[in-house]
């Protein structure tokens, strides 16, 4: 059921973006997509911090900088 809703939402979003591009308002579509991608990245970052793997990534990056 969830995949059907996700697919329907993607089709609706694509139709809305196509309409905006036809009206020469494509910048609005990019703005909306940037907000969506920002929240997706924020959710992944929050999930990574919750599991504790973010600290490990930071420490390994710090070691790489010191090795240079």
N, C-alpha and C. Protein backbone atom coordinates (compact mmCIF):
# COMPACT_ATOMS: atom_id res chain seq x y z
N UNK A 1 0.82 -1.19 0.00
CA UNK A 1 0.00 0.00 0.00
C UNK A 1 0.87 1.26 0.00
N UNK A 2 1.96 1.20 0.79
CA UNK A 2 2.83 2.37 0.89
C UNK A 2 3.50 2.67 -0.46
N UNK A 3 3.91 1.62 -1.17
CA UNK A 3 4.58 1.84 -2.46
C UNK A 3 3.62 2.42 -3.49
N UNK A 4 2.33 2.05 -3.40
CA UNK A 4 1.34 2.61 -4.31
C UNK A 4 1.18 4.10 -4.06
N UNK A 5 1.10 4.48 -2.80
CA UNK A 5 0.98 5.89 -2.47
C UNK A 5 2.23 6.68 -2.86
N UNK A 6 3.38 6.07 -2.66
CA UNK A 6 4.64 6.73 -3.03
C UNK A 6 4.71 6.93 -4.55
N UNK A 7 4.31 5.92 -5.29
CA UNK A 7 4.31 6.02 -6.75
C UNK A 7 3.31 7.06 -7.23
N UNK A 8 2.13 7.07 -6.64
CA UNK A 8 1.11 8.06 -7.01
C UNK A 8 1.60 9.47 -6.69
N UNK A 9 2.27 9.63 -5.56
CA UNK A 9 2.80 10.94 -5.20
C UNK A 9 3.90 11.39 -6.15
N UNK A 10 4.74 10.45 -6.58
CA UNK A 10 5.80 10.79 -7.53
C UNK A 10 5.23 11.19 -8.88
N UNK A 11 4.18 10.49 -9.30
CA UNK A 11 3.54 10.84 -10.58
C UNK A 11 2.90 12.21 -10.49
N UNK A 12 2.23 12.49 -9.39
CA UNK A 12 1.59 13.81 -9.20
C UNK A 12 2.65 14.92 -9.16
N UNK A 13 3.76 14.66 -8.48
CA UNK A 13 4.82 15.66 -8.40
C UNK A 13 5.43 15.90 -9.78
N UNK A 14 5.64 14.83 -10.54
CA UNK A 14 6.19 14.98 -11.89
C UNK A 14 5.24 15.78 -12.78
N UNK A 15 3.95 15.53 -12.64
CA UNK A 15 2.97 16.27 -13.44
C UNK A 15 2.96 17.75 -13.06
N UNK A 16 3.05 18.02 -11.76
CA UNK A 16 3.08 19.41 -11.30
C UNK A 16 4.34 20.12 -11.79
N UNK A 17 5.48 19.41 -11.75
CA UNK A 17 6.72 20.02 -12.24
C UNK A 17 6.66 20.27 -13.74
N UNK A 18 6.09 19.34 -14.47
CA UNK A 18 5.96 19.52 -15.92
C UNK A 18 5.09 20.73 -16.22
N UNK A 19 4.01 20.88 -15.49
CA UNK A 19 3.13 22.04 -15.67
C UNK A 19 3.89 23.34 -15.41
N UNK A 20 4.66 23.37 -14.32
CA UNK A 20 5.41 24.59 -14.00
C UNK A 20 6.46 24.89 -15.07
N UNK A 21 7.11 23.85 -15.60
CA UNK A 21 8.09 24.08 -16.66
C UNK A 21 7.43 24.62 -17.92
N UNK A 22 6.24 24.14 -18.23
CA UNK A 22 5.53 24.64 -19.41
C UNK A 22 5.16 26.10 -19.25
N UNK A 23 4.93 26.54 -18.03
CA UNK A 23 4.60 27.94 -17.74
C UNK A 23 5.85 28.77 -17.47
N UNK A 24 7.01 28.21 -17.71
CA UNK A 24 8.31 28.84 -17.48
C UNK A 24 8.51 29.25 -16.02
N UNK A 25 8.08 28.35 -15.14
CA UNK A 25 8.26 28.56 -13.70
C UNK A 25 9.05 27.39 -13.11
N UNK A 26 10.05 26.93 -13.84
CA UNK A 26 10.84 25.78 -13.42
C UNK A 26 11.64 26.02 -12.16
N UNK A 27 11.94 27.26 -11.85
CA UNK A 27 12.71 27.55 -10.64
C UNK A 27 11.93 27.15 -9.39
N UNK A 28 10.61 27.23 -9.46
CA UNK A 28 9.79 26.83 -8.33
C UNK A 28 9.95 25.33 -8.08
N UNK A 29 9.98 24.56 -9.16
CA UNK A 29 10.16 23.11 -9.02
C UNK A 29 11.50 22.79 -8.37
N UNK A 30 12.56 23.46 -8.79
CA UNK A 30 13.87 23.23 -8.20
C UNK A 30 13.90 23.64 -6.73
N UNK A 31 13.21 24.70 -6.40
CA UNK A 31 13.15 25.14 -5.01
C UNK A 31 12.45 24.11 -4.15
N UNK A 32 11.33 23.59 -4.62
CA UNK A 32 10.59 22.58 -3.88
C UNK A 32 11.43 21.30 -3.74
N UNK A 33 12.09 20.90 -4.82
CA UNK A 33 12.95 19.71 -4.76
C UNK A 33 14.11 19.91 -3.80
N UNK A 34 14.67 21.11 -3.75
CA UNK A 34 15.77 21.35 -2.82
C UNK A 34 15.31 21.23 -1.38
N UNK A 35 14.09 21.67 -1.09
CA UNK A 35 13.54 21.52 0.26
C UNK A 35 13.34 20.04 0.59
N UNK A 36 12.79 19.28 -0.36
CA UNK A 36 12.57 17.85 -0.15
C UNK A 36 13.90 17.14 0.10
N UNK A 37 14.90 17.41 -0.73
CA UNK A 37 16.20 16.76 -0.55
C UNK A 37 16.88 17.18 0.75
N UNK A 38 16.68 18.43 1.16
CA UNK A 38 17.24 18.88 2.43
C UNK A 38 16.67 18.07 3.58
N UNK A 39 15.34 17.90 3.59
CA UNK A 39 14.72 17.14 4.68
C UNK A 39 15.09 15.67 4.63
N UNK A 40 15.28 15.11 3.44
CA UNK A 40 15.72 13.72 3.33
C UNK A 40 17.13 13.57 3.91
N UNK A 41 18.02 14.50 3.59
CA UNK A 41 19.39 14.45 4.11
C UNK A 41 19.40 14.67 5.62
N UNK A 42 18.55 15.58 6.09
CA UNK A 42 18.47 15.84 7.53
C UNK A 42 18.00 14.60 8.27
N UNK A 43 17.02 13.90 7.72
CA UNK A 43 16.52 12.68 8.35
C UNK A 43 17.61 11.61 8.41
N UNK A 44 18.40 11.49 7.35
CA UNK A 44 19.49 10.51 7.37
C UNK A 44 20.56 10.89 8.38
N UNK A 45 20.87 12.17 8.47
CA UNK A 45 21.86 12.64 9.43
C UNK A 45 21.38 12.39 10.85
N UNK A 46 20.12 12.68 11.10
CA UNK A 46 19.55 12.46 12.42
C UNK A 46 19.56 10.98 12.78
N UNK A 47 19.25 10.13 11.80
CA UNK A 47 19.27 8.69 12.02
C UNK A 47 20.70 8.21 12.31
N UNK A 48 21.67 8.75 11.59
CA UNK A 48 23.07 8.37 11.80
C UNK A 48 23.55 8.79 13.18
N UNK A 49 23.15 9.97 13.63
CA UNK A 49 23.56 10.43 14.95
C UNK A 49 22.92 9.58 16.05
N UNK A 50 21.67 9.15 15.81
CA UNK A 50 20.97 8.34 16.80
C UNK A 50 21.64 6.99 16.99
N UNK A 51 22.16 6.42 15.90
CA UNK A 51 22.81 5.11 16.01
C UNK A 51 24.24 5.22 16.51
N UNK A 52 24.80 6.42 16.50
CA UNK A 52 26.16 6.61 16.99
C UNK A 52 27.22 6.46 15.94
N UNK A 53 26.85 6.19 14.70
CA UNK A 53 27.86 6.00 13.66
C UNK A 53 28.42 7.34 13.18
N UNK A 54 27.76 8.43 13.47
CA UNK A 54 28.26 9.74 13.05
C UNK A 54 29.56 10.09 13.73
N UNK A 55 29.69 9.69 14.99
CA UNK A 55 30.92 9.97 15.74
C UNK A 55 32.09 9.21 15.15
N UNK A 56 31.86 7.99 14.75
CA UNK A 56 32.93 7.18 14.16
C UNK A 56 33.39 7.80 12.85
N UNK A 57 32.43 8.26 12.03
CA UNK A 57 32.79 8.88 10.76
C UNK A 57 33.62 10.14 10.98
N UNK A 58 33.25 10.93 11.97
CA UNK A 58 33.98 12.16 12.24
C UNK A 58 35.39 11.85 12.69
N UNK A 59 35.54 10.85 13.56
CA UNK A 59 36.86 10.51 14.05
C UNK A 59 37.76 9.97 12.94
N UNK A 60 37.20 9.19 12.02
CA UNK A 60 38.01 8.66 10.93
C UNK A 60 38.43 9.79 9.98
N UNK A 61 37.56 10.76 9.77
CA UNK A 61 37.93 11.91 8.94
C UNK A 61 39.03 12.71 9.61
N UNK A 62 38.96 12.84 10.92
CA UNK A 62 39.97 13.59 11.66
C UNK A 62 41.33 12.90 11.56
N UNK A 63 41.33 11.57 11.63
CA UNK A 63 42.57 10.83 11.50
C UNK A 63 43.17 10.98 10.11
N UNK A 64 42.32 10.99 9.10
CA UNK A 64 42.80 11.15 7.73
C UNK A 64 43.46 12.51 7.55
N UNK A 65 42.89 13.55 8.17
CA UNK A 65 43.48 14.87 8.07
C UNK A 65 44.84 14.92 8.76
N UNK A 66 44.97 14.23 9.87
CA UNK A 66 46.23 14.22 10.61
C UNK A 66 47.30 13.43 9.85
N UNK A 67 46.90 12.44 9.07
CA UNK A 67 47.86 11.64 8.33
C UNK A 67 48.47 12.39 7.14
N UNK A 68 47.84 13.43 6.72
CA UNK A 68 48.33 14.15 5.53
C UNK A 68 49.57 14.95 5.82
